[in-house]
Amino acid sequence: MGYIADTIYIFRELMRLFFVVITSPFAAVGSLLMLGSIGWQE
């Protein structure tokens, strides 16, 4: 049963990290630059 609690905890931490990344303007600019560089490599 312990792994269920671990999974829930990890999921909550990932959602918190995802929320911080989404709400951070620097992360938005960085993700656009990263997507642009991936597009140029193809």
Protein backbone atom coordinates (compact mmCIF):
# COMPACT_ATOMS: atom_id res chain seq x y z
CA MET A 1 0.00 0.00 0.00
CA GLY A 2 2.96 2.32 0.45
CA TYR A 3 3.56 2.68 -3.27
CA ILE A 4 0.08 4.17 -3.73
CA ALA A 5 0.90 6.97 -1.28
CA ASP A 6 4.26 7.50 -3.00
CA THR A 7 2.56 7.73 -6.39
CA ILE A 8 0.06 10.29 -5.11
CA TYR A 9 2.85 12.33 -3.51
CA ILE A 10 4.97 12.30 -6.68
CA PHE A 11 1.93 13.25 -8.76
CA ARG A 12 1.18 16.21 -6.47
CA GLU A 13 4.79 17.41 -6.62
CA LEU A 14 4.82 17.16 -10.42
CA MET A 15 1.59 19.13 -10.67
CA ARG A 16 3.03 21.80 -8.37
CA LEU A 17 6.19 22.00 -10.49
CA PHE A 18 4.09 22.12 -13.68
CA PHE A 19 2.02 24.99 -12.24
CA VAL A 20 5.15 26.97 -11.34
CA VAL A 21 6.59 26.46 -14.82
CA ILE A 22 3.35 27.50 -16.50
CA THR A 23 2.97 30.65 -14.39
CA SER A 24 6.60 31.71 -14.77
CA PRO A 25 7.18 34.07 -17.72
CA PHE A 26 10.86 33.09 -17.89
CA ALA A 27 9.87 29.44 -18.26
CA ALA A 28 7.43 30.36 -21.04
CA VAL A 29 10.17 32.20 -22.95
CA GLY A 30 12.60 29.35 -22.36
CA SER A 31 10.13 26.75 -23.59
CA LEU A 32 9.49 28.78 -26.74
CA LEU A 33 13.24 29.03 -27.38
CA MET A 34 13.65 25.30 -26.73
CA LEU A 35 10.78 24.45 -29.11
CA GLY A 36 12.31 26.75 -31.71
CA SER A 37 15.72 25.10 -31.44
CA ILE A 38 14.14 21.63 -31.72
CA GLY A 39 12.29 22.79 -34.84
CA TRP A 40 15.49 24.09 -36.44
CA GLN A 41 17.33 20.79 -35.83
CA GLU A 42 14.91 18.77 -37.93
